[in-house]
């Protein structure tokens, strides 16, 4: 296939692959595809498989020890940038069909300025672990990204132009979390997405996956978990302060601002150091942070008082409800404005 806008390679990170990798490679080679495989510390017992795909014409780069999927992808991305190649990433377990890989490559050529995602649409035939993991991640992603939805946040079939690779190669993550972190950075880096449906293929209920449900899920959700813990602890401090000040007779809106000042200093420090790991100028980020705090606190006070006066909701319950609704506003404000 001739391309106008991209010089593509199929990039496959592989850890302890079986012969399904050889089958996928053979079919792609028939279409004159260039293939780059990263042997991510699979060990000597898998050398024969990598030798076979190398003999078929693939370029194989080797990690002497397992470093994780994110690092394997970055190794491939570095190679692509050096050789001015676009990349279509695919998994090594045979769950991405060659026809879908080729289609993502075609769409990338037509849209080199966009990230192309090959997305699966899940149904009752999907293994429970995969269905649960994708559903939870999709909902969390949608909640934290202002309603924007990625149908399949865990897809490994993605198309990147070489310019796109330069934009995302510095994103944090060495293992499975790297792919999620790319999606979490889309807005921040002004990257548009095309979601292209692909076939849903699970072999032996996805038993070949090296995804450790607990350990790797923590890595994937790490920033989100940290933000939730930071926000929860700050919200508790804010709520207790608000209750104290209103109890001693301070007006609702005034109490809201005083309580928010106390909790916001605590929240700013946690988010800057541990959640977003921002090393920008403290004065600038704090100024922007308090602009956001002022706006959100104003909305909180007005809506809390309104819910109490016009809906008859107890002011303490109203405070909880209102701040839960403003949670997403605060998160996105910090992500895209304060700690950008």
C-alpha atoms as a PDB file:
ATOM      1  CA  UNK A   1       0.000   0.000   0.000  1.00  0.00           C
ATOM      2  CA  UNK A   2       1.294   3.468  -0.890  1.00  0.00           C
ATOM      3  CA  UNK A   3       1.134   6.216   1.697  1.00  0.00           C
ATOM      4  CA  UNK A   4       1.098   9.977   1.162  1.00  0.00           C
ATOM      5  CA  UNK A   5       1.607  11.172   4.724  1.00  0.00           C
ATOM      6  CA  UNK A   6       3.289   8.467   6.771  1.00  0.00           C
ATOM      7  CA  UNK A   7       6.231   6.092   6.642  1.00  0.00           C
ATOM      8  CA  UNK A   8       4.788   3.349   8.870  1.00  0.00           C
ATOM      9  CA  UNK A   9       6.119   0.451  10.871  1.00  0.00           C
ATOM     10  CA  UNK A  10       4.109  -2.075  12.888  1.00  0.00           C
ATOM     11  CA  UNK A  11       5.465  -1.902  16.446  1.00  0.00           C
ATOM     12  CA  UNK A  12       4.900  -4.985  18.604  1.00  0.00           C
ATOM     13  CA  UNK A  13       6.120  -5.122  22.227  1.00  0.00           C
ATOM     14  CA  UNK A  14       6.502  -8.796  23.120  1.00  0.00           C
ATOM     15  CA  UNK A  15       7.049 -10.553  26.439  1.00  0.00           C
ATOM     16  CA  UNK A  16       7.219 -14.347  26.352  1.00  0.00           C
ATOM     17  CA  UNK A  17       5.187 -14.634  23.128  1.00  0.00           C
ATOM     18  CA  UNK A  18       3.956 -17.905  21.640  1.00  0.00           C
ATOM     19  CA  UNK A  19       3.695 -18.944  17.989  1.00  0.00           C
ATOM     20  CA  UNK A  20       0.663 -16.716  17.397  1.00  0.00           C
ATOM     21  CA  UNK A  21       3.170 -13.901  16.978  1.00  0.00           C
ATOM     22  CA  UNK A  22       4.751 -15.731  14.048  1.00  0.00           C
ATOM     23  CA  UNK A  23       1.367 -16.169  12.367  1.00  0.00           C
ATOM     24  CA  UNK A  24       0.530 -12.463  12.649  1.00  0.00           C
ATOM     25  CA  UNK A  25       3.960 -11.502  11.339  1.00  0.00           C
ATOM     26  CA  UNK A  26       3.684 -13.802   8.328  1.00  0.00           C
ATOM     27  CA  UNK A  27       0.363 -12.287   7.288  1.00  0.00           C
ATOM     28  CA  UNK A  28       1.631  -8.738   7.697  1.00  0.00           C
ATOM     29  CA  UNK A  29       4.802  -9.521   5.741  1.00  0.00           C
ATOM     30  CA  UNK A  30       2.599 -10.644   2.855  1.00  0.00           C
ATOM     31  CA  UNK A  31       1.342  -7.047   2.709  1.00  0.00           C
ATOM     32  CA  UNK A  32       4.930  -5.705   2.570  1.00  0.00           C
ATOM     33  CA  UNK A  33       4.706  -4.271   6.072  1.00  0.00           C
ATOM     34  CA  UNK A  34       7.765  -3.172   8.020  1.00  0.00           C
ATOM     35  CA  UNK A  35       7.658  -4.712  11.477  1.00  0.00           C
ATOM     36  CA  UNK A  36       9.554  -3.713  14.622  1.00  0.00           C
ATOM     37  CA  UNK A  37       9.410  -6.098  17.579  1.00  0.00           C
ATOM     38  CA  UNK A  38      10.681  -5.359  21.071  1.00  0.00           C
ATOM     39  CA  UNK A  39      11.764  -8.458  22.981  1.00  0.00           C
ATOM     40  CA  UNK A  40      11.091  -7.227  26.499  1.00  0.00           C
ATOM     41  CA  UNK A  41      13.338  -9.597  28.439  1.00  0.00           C
ATOM     42  CA  UNK A  42      11.514 -12.787  27.460  1.00  0.00           C
ATOM     43  CA  UNK A  43      14.453 -15.072  28.256  1.00  0.00           C
ATOM     44  CA  UNK A  44      16.434 -17.721  26.406  1.00  0.00           C
ATOM     45  CA  UNK A  45      13.534 -20.158  26.051  1.00  0.00           C
ATOM     46  CA  UNK A  46      11.836 -17.690  23.673  1.00  0.00           C
ATOM     47  CA  UNK A  47      14.870 -16.936  21.515  1.00  0.00           C
ATOM     48  CA  UNK A  48      13.683 -19.325  18.791  1.00  0.00           C
ATOM     49  CA  UNK A  49      10.435 -17.395  18.260  1.00  0.00           C
ATOM     50  CA  UNK A  50      12.285 -14.097  17.957  1.00  0.00           C
ATOM     51  CA  UNK A  51      14.817 -15.725  15.617  1.00  0.00           C
ATOM     52  CA  UNK A  52      11.985 -16.925  13.369  1.00  0.00           C
ATOM     53  CA  UNK A  53      10.344 -13.495  13.112  1.00  0.00           C
ATOM     54  CA  UNK A  54      13.747 -11.924  12.499  1.00  0.00           C
ATOM     55  CA  UNK A  55      14.355 -14.396   9.662  1.00  0.00           C
ATOM     56  CA  UNK A  56      11.000 -13.333   8.198  1.00  0.00           C
ATOM     57  CA  UNK A  57      12.330  -9.782   7.914  1.00  0.00           C
ATOM     58  CA  UNK A  58      11.377  -8.140  11.207  1.00  0.00           C
ATOM     59  CA  UNK A  59      13.658  -5.800  13.118  1.00  0.00           C
ATOM     60  CA  UNK A  60      14.020  -7.079  16.690  1.00  0.00           C
ATOM     61  CA  UNK A  61      15.277  -4.905  19.549  1.00  0.00           C
ATOM     62  CA  UNK A  62      16.108  -6.624  22.828  1.00  0.00           C
ATOM     63  CA  UNK A  63      15.738  -5.686  26.478  1.00  0.00           C
ATOM     64  CA  UNK A  64      18.025  -8.017  28.413  1.00  0.00           C
ATOM     65  CA  UNK A  65      15.538  -7.974  31.305  1.00  0.00           C
ATOM     66  CA  UNK A  66      11.815  -7.306  31.476  1.00  0.00           C
ATOM     67  CA  UNK A  67      11.196  -3.570  31.773  1.00  0.00           C
ATOM     68  CA  UNK A  68       7.456  -3.405  31.133  1.00  0.00           C
ATOM     69  CA  UNK A  69       5.185  -2.657  28.202  1.00  0.00           C
ATOM     70  CA  UNK A  70       5.510   1.096  28.579  1.00  0.00           C
ATOM     71  CA  UNK A  71       9.291   0.980  28.377  1.00  0.00           C
ATOM     72  CA  UNK A  72       9.122  -1.447  25.434  1.00  0.00           C
ATOM     73  CA  UNK A  73       6.836   0.977  23.594  1.00  0.00           C
ATOM     74  CA  UNK A  74       9.168   3.874  24.378  1.00  0.00           C
ATOM     75  CA  UNK A  75      12.133   1.906  23.043  1.00  0.00           C
ATOM     76  CA  UNK A  76      10.168   1.373  19.838  1.00  0.00           C
ATOM     77  CA  UNK A  77       9.098   5.027  19.714  1.00  0.00           C
ATOM     78  CA  UNK A  78      12.710   6.177  20.090  1.00  0.00           C
ATOM     79  CA  UNK A  79      13.669   3.951  17.164  1.00  0.00           C
ATOM     80  CA  UNK A  80      10.798   5.336  15.077  1.00  0.00           C
ATOM     81  CA  UNK A  81      11.688   8.952  15.814  1.00  0.00           C
ATOM     82  CA  UNK A  82      15.339   8.302  14.964  1.00  0.00           C
ATOM     83  CA  UNK A  83      14.390   6.690  11.620  1.00  0.00           C
ATOM     84  CA  UNK A  84      11.453   9.043  10.875  1.00  0.00           C
ATOM     85  CA  UNK A  85       8.837   6.273  11.061  1.00  0.00           C
ATOM     86  CA  UNK A  86       5.210   6.442  12.094  1.00  0.00           C
ATOM     87  CA  UNK A  87       4.056   3.587  14.326  1.00  0.00           C
ATOM     88  CA  UNK A  88       1.015   1.362  14.555  1.00  0.00           C
ATOM     89  CA  UNK A  89       1.284  -0.493  17.861  1.00  0.00           C
ATOM     90  CA  UNK A  90      -0.192  -3.971  18.204  1.00  0.00           C
ATOM     91  CA  UNK A  91      -0.129  -6.703  20.842  1.00  0.00           C
ATOM     92  CA  UNK A  92       1.892  -9.879  20.428  1.00  0.00           C
ATOM     93  CA  UNK A  93      -0.806 -12.348  21.504  1.00  0.00           C
ATOM     94  CA  UNK A  94      -2.756 -12.527  18.237  1.00  0.00           C
ATOM     95  CA  UNK A  95      -5.732 -10.560  19.517  1.00  0.00           C
ATOM     96  CA  UNK A  96      -5.285  -7.818  16.943  1.00  0.00           C
ATOM     97  CA  UNK A  97      -6.198  -9.121  13.514  1.00  0.00           C
ATOM     98  CA  UNK A  98      -3.913  -8.155  10.606  1.00  0.00           C
ATOM     99  CA  UNK A  99      -6.871  -6.649   8.728  1.00  0.00           C
ATOM    100  CA  UNK A 100      -7.547  -4.309  11.655  1.00  0.00           C
ATOM    101  CA  UNK A 101      -3.875  -3.387  11.969  1.00  0.00           C
ATOM    102  CA  UNK A 102      -3.766  -2.512   8.268  1.00  0.00           C
ATOM    103  CA  UNK A 103      -6.960  -0.486   8.549  1.00  0.00           C
ATOM    104  CA  UNK A 104      -5.573   1.583  11.456  1.00  0.00           C
ATOM    105  CA  UNK A 105      -2.485   2.212   9.332  1.00  0.00           C
ATOM    106  CA  UNK A 106      -4.662   3.425   6.447  1.00  0.00           C
ATOM    107  CA  UNK A 107      -6.658   5.780   8.695  1.00  0.00           C
ATOM    108  CA  UNK A 108      -3.427   7.127  10.177  1.00  0.00           C
ATOM    109  CA  UNK A 109      -2.207   7.995   6.684  1.00  0.00           C
ATOM    110  CA  UNK A 110      -5.422   9.928   6.073  1.00  0.00           C
ATOM    111  CA  UNK A 111      -5.219  11.661   9.505  1.00  0.00           C
ATOM    112  CA  UNK A 112      -1.538  12.008  10.478  1.00  0.00           C
ATOM    113  CA  UNK A 113      -2.313  14.813  12.937  1.00  0.00           C
ATOM    114  CA  UNK A 114      -4.578  12.603  15.070  1.00  0.00           C
ATOM    115  CA  UNK A 115      -4.117   9.645  17.393  1.00  0.00           C
ATOM    116  CA  UNK A 116      -5.906   6.611  15.951  1.00  0.00           C
ATOM    117  CA  UNK A 117      -7.374   4.087  18.408  1.00  0.00           C
ATOM    118  CA  UNK A 118      -8.620   0.666  17.400  1.00  0.00           C
ATOM    119  CA  UNK A 119     -11.513   0.221  19.826  1.00  0.00           C
ATOM    120  CA  UNK A 120     -13.424  -2.912  20.767  1.00  0.00           C
ATOM    121  CA  UNK A 121     -17.128  -2.898  21.568  1.00  0.00           C
ATOM    122  CA  UNK A 122     -17.714  -5.376  24.382  1.00  0.00           C
ATOM    123  CA  UNK A 123     -20.624  -7.758  24.836  1.00  0.00           C
ATOM    124  CA  UNK A 124     -21.607 -10.775  26.925  1.00  0.00           C
ATOM    125  CA  UNK A 125     -19.017 -12.959  25.162  1.00  0.00           C
ATOM    126  CA  UNK A 126     -16.164 -10.873  26.578  1.00  0.00           C
ATOM    127  CA  UNK A 127     -14.218 -12.567  29.430  1.00  0.00           C
ATOM    128  CA  UNK A 128     -15.393 -11.184  32.762  1.00  0.00           C
ATOM    129  CA  UNK A 129     -11.964  -9.864  33.792  1.00  0.00           C
ATOM    130  CA  UNK A 130     -11.576  -7.896  30.559  1.00  0.00           C
ATOM    131  CA  UNK A 131     -15.179  -6.674  30.564  1.00  0.00           C
ATOM    132  CA  UNK A 132     -14.945  -5.468  34.163  1.00  0.00           C
ATOM    133  CA  UNK A 133     -11.546  -3.830  33.701  1.00  0.00           C
ATOM    134  CA  UNK A 134     -12.532  -1.974  30.549  1.00  0.00           C
ATOM    135  CA  UNK A 135     -15.906  -0.878  31.909  1.00  0.00           C
ATOM    136  CA  UNK A 136     -14.468   0.523  35.146  1.00  0.00           C
ATOM    137  CA  UNK A 137     -11.609   2.280  33.374  1.00  0.00           C
ATOM    138  CA  UNK A 138     -13.917   3.756  30.728  1.00  0.00           C
ATOM    139  CA  UNK A 139     -16.286   5.166  33.352  1.00  0.00           C
ATOM    140  CA  UNK A 140     -13.487   6.640  35.447  1.00  0.00           C
ATOM    141  CA  UNK A 141     -11.877   8.155  32.359  1.00  0.00           C
ATOM    142  CA  UNK A 142     -15.178   9.711  31.270  1.00  0.00           C
ATOM    143  CA  UNK A 143     -15.820  11.122  34.743  1.00  0.00           C
ATOM    144  CA  UNK A 144     -12.384  12.711  35.037  1.00  0.00           C
ATOM    145  CA  UNK A 145     -12.278  14.061  31.476  1.00  0.00           C
ATOM    146  CA  UNK A 146     -15.351  16.238  31.470  1.00  0.00           C
ATOM    147  CA  UNK A 147     -17.612  13.654  29.873  1.00  0.00           C
ATOM    148  CA  UNK A 148     -15.310  12.786  26.970  1.00  0.00           C
ATOM    149  CA  UNK A 149     -15.439   9.043  26.368  1.00  0.00           C
ATOM    150  CA  UNK A 150     -12.917   6.582  25.016  1.00  0.00           C
ATOM    151  CA  UNK A 151     -14.785   3.390  24.125  1.00  0.00           C
ATOM    152  CA  UNK A 152     -11.784   1.134  24.802  1.00  0.00           C
ATOM    153  CA  UNK A 153      -9.220   2.732  27.116  1.00  0.00           C
ATOM    154  CA  UNK A 154      -7.114  -0.439  27.258  1.00  0.00           C
ATOM    155  CA  UNK A 155      -6.656  -0.988  23.538  1.00  0.00           C
ATOM    156  CA  UNK A 156      -3.092  -1.663  22.433  1.00  0.00           C
ATOM    157  CA  UNK A 157      -3.889  -1.074  18.756  1.00  0.00           C
ATOM    158  CA  UNK A 158      -3.006   2.562  18.164  1.00  0.00           C
ATOM    159  CA  UNK A 159      -1.674   4.655  15.303  1.00  0.00           C
ATOM    160  CA  UNK A 160       0.890   7.454  15.826  1.00  0.00           C
ATOM    161  CA  UNK A 161       2.543   9.697  13.263  1.00  0.00           C
ATOM    162  CA  UNK A 162       6.205  10.455  13.951  1.00  0.00           C
ATOM    163  CA  UNK A 163       5.212  13.984  15.021  1.00  0.00           C
ATOM    164  CA  UNK A 164       2.688  12.508  17.436  1.00  0.00           C
ATOM    165  CA  UNK A 165       5.388  10.238  18.889  1.00  0.00           C
ATOM    166  CA  UNK A 166       7.518  13.283  19.648  1.00  0.00           C
ATOM    167  CA  UNK A 167       4.574  14.768  21.559  1.00  0.00           C
ATOM    168  CA  UNK A 168       3.922  11.778  23.802  1.00  0.00           C
ATOM    169  CA  UNK A 169       7.224   9.939  24.321  1.00  0.00           C
ATOM    170  CA  UNK A 170       8.007  11.859  27.525  1.00  0.00           C
ATOM    171  CA  UNK A 171       4.743  10.862  29.233  1.00  0.00           C
ATOM    172  CA  UNK A 172       5.221   9.085  32.547  1.00  0.00           C
ATOM    173  CA  UNK A 173       4.929   5.292  32.805  1.00  0.00           C
ATOM    174  CA  UNK A 174       7.075   2.220  32.290  1.00  0.00           C
ATOM    175  CA  UNK A 175       4.438  -0.506  32.291  1.00  0.00           C
ATOM    176  CA  UNK A 176       0.738  -0.762  31.397  1.00  0.00           C
ATOM    177  CA  UNK A 177       0.003   2.631  32.916  1.00  0.00           C
ATOM    178  CA  UNK A 178       1.860   4.352  30.037  1.00  0.00           C
ATOM    179  CA  UNK A 179      -0.997   3.625  27.630  1.00  0.00           C
ATOM    180  CA  UNK A 180      -3.576   5.069  30.027  1.00  0.00           C
ATOM    181  CA  UNK A 181      -1.399   8.092  30.770  1.00  0.00           C
ATOM    182  CA  UNK A 182      -1.303   8.886  27.047  1.00  0.00           C
ATOM    183  CA  UNK A 183      -5.100   9.110  27.060  1.00  0.00           C
ATOM    184  CA  UNK A 184      -5.105  11.217  30.221  1.00  0.00           C
ATOM    185  CA  UNK A 185      -2.753  13.692  28.520  1.00  0.00           C
ATOM    186  CA  UNK A 186      -4.771  14.103  25.294  1.00  0.00           C
ATOM    187  CA  UNK A 187      -6.426  17.402  26.203  1.00  0.00           C
ATOM    188  CA  UNK A 188      -3.329  18.789  27.847  1.00  0.00           C
ATOM    189  CA  UNK A 189      -1.315  18.190  24.669  1.00  0.00           C
ATOM    190  CA  UNK A 190      -4.086  19.215  22.271  1.00  0.00           C
ATOM    191  CA  UNK A 191      -4.319  15.795  20.641  1.00  0.00           C
ATOM    192  CA  UNK A 192      -7.451  14.777  18.773  1.00  0.00           C
ATOM    193  CA  UNK A 193      -8.562  11.148  18.573  1.00  0.00           C
ATOM    194  CA  UNK A 194     -10.249   8.955  15.992  1.00  0.00           C
ATOM    195  CA  UNK A 195     -11.825   5.789  17.402  1.00  0.00           C
ATOM    196  CA  UNK A 196     -12.081   3.053  14.799  1.00  0.00           C
ATOM    197  CA  UNK A 197     -14.038  -0.144  15.608  1.00  0.00           C
ATOM    198  CA  UNK A 198     -12.042  -3.389  15.455  1.00  0.00           C
ATOM    199  CA  UNK A 199     -12.814  -7.054  15.986  1.00  0.00           C
ATOM    200  CA  UNK A 200     -13.059  -8.408  19.522  1.00  0.00           C
ATOM    201  CA  UNK A 201     -10.763 -11.424  19.791  1.00  0.00           C
ATOM    202  CA  UNK A 202     -10.080 -13.282  23.040  1.00  0.00           C
ATOM    203  CA  UNK A 203      -8.068 -16.474  22.903  1.00  0.00           C
ATOM    204  CA  UNK A 204      -8.637 -18.943  25.776  1.00  0.00           C
ATOM    205  CA  UNK A 205     -10.416 -16.223  27.778  1.00  0.00           C
ATOM    206  CA  UNK A 206      -7.365 -13.964  27.481  1.00  0.00           C
ATOM    207  CA  UNK A 207      -5.185 -16.319  29.525  1.00  0.00           C
ATOM    208  CA  UNK A 208      -2.040 -15.242  27.674  1.00  0.00           C
ATOM    209  CA  UNK A 209      -2.258 -11.705  29.077  1.00  0.00           C
ATOM    210  CA  UNK A 210       0.601 -10.706  31.377  1.00  0.00           C
ATOM    211  CA  UNK A 211      -1.565  -8.039  33.026  1.00  0.00           C
ATOM    212  CA  UNK A 212      -1.471  -8.422  36.819  1.00  0.00           C
ATOM    213  CA  UNK A 213      -4.932  -7.279  37.889  1.00  0.00           C
ATOM    214  CA  UNK A 214      -3.999  -5.729  41.249  1.00  0.00           C
ATOM    215  CA  UNK A 215      -0.466  -4.503  40.669  1.00  0.00           C
ATOM    216  CA  UNK A 216      -0.964  -3.169  37.146  1.00  0.00           C
ATOM    217  CA  UNK A 217      -4.399  -1.736  37.898  1.00  0.00           C
ATOM    218  CA  UNK A 218      -2.789   0.345  40.637  1.00  0.00           C
ATOM    219  CA  UNK A 219      -0.216   1.622  38.153  1.00  0.00           C
ATOM    220  CA  UNK A 220      -2.924   2.453  35.605  1.00  0.00           C
ATOM    221  CA  UNK A 221      -5.088   4.285  38.155  1.00  0.00           C
ATOM    222  CA  UNK A 222      -2.216   5.679  40.235  1.00  0.00           C
ATOM    223  CA  UNK A 223      -2.721   9.363  39.449  1.00  0.00           C
ATOM    224  CA  UNK A 224      -6.497   9.032  39.791  1.00  0.00           C
ATOM    225  CA  UNK A 225      -6.165   7.199  43.127  1.00  0.00           C
ATOM    226  CA  UNK A 226      -3.758   9.835  44.440  1.00  0.00           C
ATOM    227  CA  UNK A 227      -6.113  12.629  43.388  1.00  0.00           C
ATOM    228  CA  UNK A 228      -9.086  10.941  45.028  1.00  0.00           C
ATOM    229  CA  UNK A 229      -7.143  10.459  48.284  1.00  0.00           C
ATOM    230  CA  UNK A 230      -5.874  14.030  48.186  1.00  0.00           C
ATOM    231  CA  UNK A 231      -9.319  15.435  47.439  1.00  0.00           C
ATOM    232  CA  UNK A 232     -11.048  13.242  50.012  1.00  0.00           C
ATOM    233  CA  UNK A 233      -8.712  14.212  52.837  1.00  0.00           C
ATOM    234  CA  UNK A 234      -8.961  17.889  51.834  1.00  0.00           C
ATOM    235  CA  UNK A 235     -12.757  17.641  51.603  1.00  0.00           C
ATOM    236  CA  UNK A 236     -12.956  16.165  55.108  1.00  0.00           C
ATOM    237  CA  UNK A 237     -10.821  19.007  56.447  1.00  0.00           C
ATOM    238  CA  UNK A 238     -12.943  21.529  54.520  1.00  0.00           C
ATOM    239  CA  UNK A 239     -16.224  20.051  55.752  1.00  0.00           C
ATOM    240  CA  UNK A 240     -15.166  19.887  59.400  1.00  0.00           C
ATOM    241  CA  UNK A 241     -13.922  23.487  59.223  1.00  0.00           C
ATOM    242  CA  UNK A 242     -17.189  24.582  57.584  1.00  0.00           C
ATOM    243  CA  UNK A 243     -19.262  22.865  60.273  1.00  0.00           C
ATOM    244  CA  UNK A 244     -17.214  24.502  63.035  1.00  0.00           C
ATOM    245  CA  UNK A 245     -17.488  28.007  61.583  1.00  0.00           C
ATOM    246  CA  UNK A 246     -21.210  27.823  60.880  1.00  0.00           C
ATOM    247  CA  UNK A 247     -21.779  26.332  64.345  1.00  0.00           C
ATOM    248  CA  UNK A 248     -20.210  29.380  65.981  1.00  0.00           C
ATOM    249  CA  UNK A 249     -22.412  31.677  63.918  1.00  0.00           C
ATOM    250  CA  UNK A 250     -20.358  32.667  60.878  1.00  0.00           C
ATOM    251  CA  UNK A 251     -22.586  33.146  57.753  1.00  0.00           C
ATOM    252  CA  UNK A 252     -22.686  30.285  55.242  1.00  0.00           C
ATOM    253  CA  UNK A 253     -20.800  31.914  52.364  1.00  0.00           C
ATOM    254  CA  UNK A 254     -18.135  33.404  54.667  1.00  0.00           C
ATOM    255  CA  UNK A 255     -17.677  30.052  56.389  1.00  0.00           C
ATOM    256  CA  UNK A 256     -17.311  28.416  53.002  1.00  0.00           C
ATOM    257  CA  UNK A 257     -14.427  30.690  52.027  1.00  0.00           C
ATOM    258  CA  UNK A 258     -12.581  30.376  55.344  1.00  0.00           C
ATOM    259  CA  UNK A 259     -12.896  26.585  55.341  1.00  0.00           C
ATOM    260  CA  UNK A 260     -11.791  26.433  51.715  1.00  0.00           C
ATOM    261  CA  UNK A 261      -8.698  28.570  52.430  1.00  0.00           C
ATOM    262  CA  UNK A 262      -7.540  26.124  55.089  1.00  0.00           C
ATOM    263  CA  UNK A 263      -8.228  22.978  53.100  1.00  0.00           C
ATOM    264  CA  UNK A 264      -6.918  24.466  49.849  1.00  0.00           C
ATOM    265  CA  UNK A 265      -3.429  25.086  51.244  1.00  0.00           C
ATOM    266  CA  UNK A 266      -3.357  21.455  52.286  1.00  0.00           C
ATOM    267  CA  UNK A 267      -4.767  20.315  48.920  1.00  0.00           C
ATOM    268  CA  UNK A 268      -2.421  22.502  46.841  1.00  0.00           C
ATOM    269  CA  UNK A 269       0.646  21.041  48.525  1.00  0.00           C
ATOM    270  CA  UNK A 270      -0.502  17.440  48.071  1.00  0.00           C
ATOM    271  CA  UNK A 271      -1.532  17.874  44.447  1.00  0.00           C
ATOM    272  CA  UNK A 272       1.561  19.788  43.403  1.00  0.00           C
ATOM    273  CA  UNK A 273       4.029  17.365  44.991  1.00  0.00           C
ATOM    274  CA  UNK A 274       2.339  13.972  44.771  1.00  0.00           C
ATOM    275  CA  UNK A 275      -0.527  13.977  42.250  1.00  0.00           C
ATOM    276  CA  UNK A 276       0.535  16.089  39.268  1.00  0.00           C
ATOM    277  CA  UNK A 277       4.243  16.252  40.253  1.00  0.00           C
ATOM    278  CA  UNK A 278       4.499  19.779  38.950  1.00  0.00           C
ATOM    279  CA  UNK A 279       7.855  21.552  39.235  1.00  0.00           C
ATOM    280  CA  UNK A 280       6.625  24.891  37.893  1.00  0.00           C
ATOM    281  CA  UNK A 281       7.015  28.205  39.695  1.00  0.00           C
ATOM    282  CA  UNK A 282       5.206  28.015  43.040  1.00  0.00           C
ATOM    283  CA  UNK A 283       3.940  31.579  42.832  1.00  0.00           C
ATOM    284  CA  UNK A 284       2.408  31.122  39.381  1.00  0.00           C
ATOM    285  CA  UNK A 285       0.792  27.763  40.108  1.00  0.00           C
ATOM    286  CA  UNK A 286      -0.489  28.954  43.473  1.00  0.00           C
ATOM    287  CA  UNK A 287      -2.004  32.078  41.901  1.00  0.00           C
ATOM    288  CA  UNK A 288      -3.825  29.983  39.289  1.00  0.00           C
ATOM    289  CA  UNK A 289      -4.802  27.476  41.962  1.00  0.00           C
ATOM    290  CA  UNK A 290      -6.462  30.164  44.055  1.00  0.00           C
ATOM    291  CA  UNK A 291      -8.235  31.642  41.056  1.00  0.00           C
ATOM    292  CA  UNK A 292      -9.761  28.186  40.621  1.00  0.00           C
ATOM    293  CA  UNK A 293     -10.431  27.866  44.369  1.00  0.00           C
ATOM    294  CA  UNK A 294     -12.221  31.235  44.376  1.00  0.00           C
ATOM    295  CA  UNK A 295     -14.450  30.221  41.473  1.00  0.00           C
ATOM    296  CA  UNK A 296     -15.270  26.754  42.836  1.00  0.00           C
ATOM    297  CA  UNK A 297     -15.771  28.043  46.390  1.00  0.00           C
ATOM    298  CA  UNK A 298     -18.131  30.724  45.103  1.00  0.00           C
ATOM    299  CA  UNK A 299     -20.138  28.140  43.206  1.00  0.00           C
ATOM    300  CA  UNK A 300     -20.120  25.896  46.277  1.00  0.00           C
ATOM    301  CA  UNK A 301     -21.382  28.633  48.605  1.00  0.00           C
ATOM    302  CA  UNK A 302     -24.062  29.900  46.224  1.00  0.00           C
ATOM    303  CA  UNK A 303     -25.342  26.436  45.309  1.00  0.00           C
ATOM    304  CA  UNK A 304     -25.253  25.231  48.921  1.00  0.00           C
ATOM    305  CA  UNK A 305     -27.256  28.235  50.094  1.00  0.00           C
ATOM    306  CA  UNK A 306     -29.638  27.879  47.155  1.00  0.00           C
ATOM    307  CA  UNK A 307     -30.234  24.202  47.857  1.00  0.00           C
ATOM    308  CA  UNK A 308     -30.934  25.056  51.484  1.00  0.00           C
ATOM    309  CA  UNK A 309     -33.283  27.973  50.793  1.00  0.00           C
ATOM    310  CA  UNK A 310     -35.162  26.791  47.725  1.00  0.00           C
ATOM    311  CA  UNK A 311     -35.044  23.003  48.021  1.00  0.00           C
ATOM    312  CA  UNK A 312     -35.196  22.762  51.805  1.00  0.00           C
ATOM    313  CA  UNK A 313     -32.119  20.545  52.017  1.00  0.00           C
ATOM    314  CA  UNK A 314     -30.235  20.665  55.300  1.00  0.00           C
ATOM    315  CA  UNK A 315     -27.235  22.958  54.761  1.00  0.00           C
ATOM    316  CA  UNK A 316     -24.739  20.256  55.819  1.00  0.00           C
ATOM    317  CA  UNK A 317     -26.177  17.672  53.436  1.00  0.00           C
ATOM    318  CA  UNK A 318     -26.424  20.297  50.702  1.00  0.00           C
ATOM    319  CA  UNK A 319     -22.728  21.074  51.138  1.00  0.00           C
ATOM    320  CA  UNK A 320     -21.780  17.430  50.528  1.00  0.00           C
ATOM    321  CA  UNK A 321     -23.991  17.090  47.453  1.00  0.00           C
ATOM    322  CA  UNK A 322     -22.818  20.346  45.869  1.00  0.00           C
ATOM    323  CA  UNK A 323     -19.115  19.659  46.400  1.00  0.00           C
ATOM    324  CA  UNK A 324     -19.440  16.172  44.956  1.00  0.00           C
ATOM    325  CA  UNK A 325     -20.924  17.715  41.804  1.00  0.00           C
ATOM    326  CA  UNK A 326     -18.089  20.271  41.634  1.00  0.00           C
ATOM    327  CA  UNK A 327     -15.438  17.546  42.024  1.00  0.00           C
ATOM    328  CA  UNK A 328     -14.961  17.101  38.286  1.00  0.00           C
ATOM    329  CA  UNK A 329     -14.718  20.877  37.769  1.00  0.00           C
ATOM    330  CA  UNK A 330     -11.899  21.093  40.303  1.00  0.00           C
ATOM    331  CA  UNK A 331      -9.978  18.111  38.910  1.00  0.00           C
ATOM    332  CA  UNK A 332     -10.029  19.327  35.318  1.00  0.00           C
ATOM    333  CA  UNK A 333      -9.240  22.870  36.385  1.00  0.00           C
ATOM    334  CA  UNK A 334      -6.121  21.684  38.181  1.00  0.00           C
ATOM    335  CA  UNK A 335      -5.096  19.323  35.405  1.00  0.00           C
ATOM    336  CA  UNK A 336      -5.560  21.677  32.454  1.00  0.00           C
ATOM    337  CA  UNK A 337      -5.118  25.114  34.026  1.00  0.00           C
ATOM    338  CA  UNK A 338      -3.163  25.066  37.294  1.00  0.00           C
ATOM    339  CA  UNK A 339      -0.658  22.226  36.884  1.00  0.00           C
ATOM    340  CA  UNK A 340      -0.662  22.045  33.090  1.00  0.00           C
END
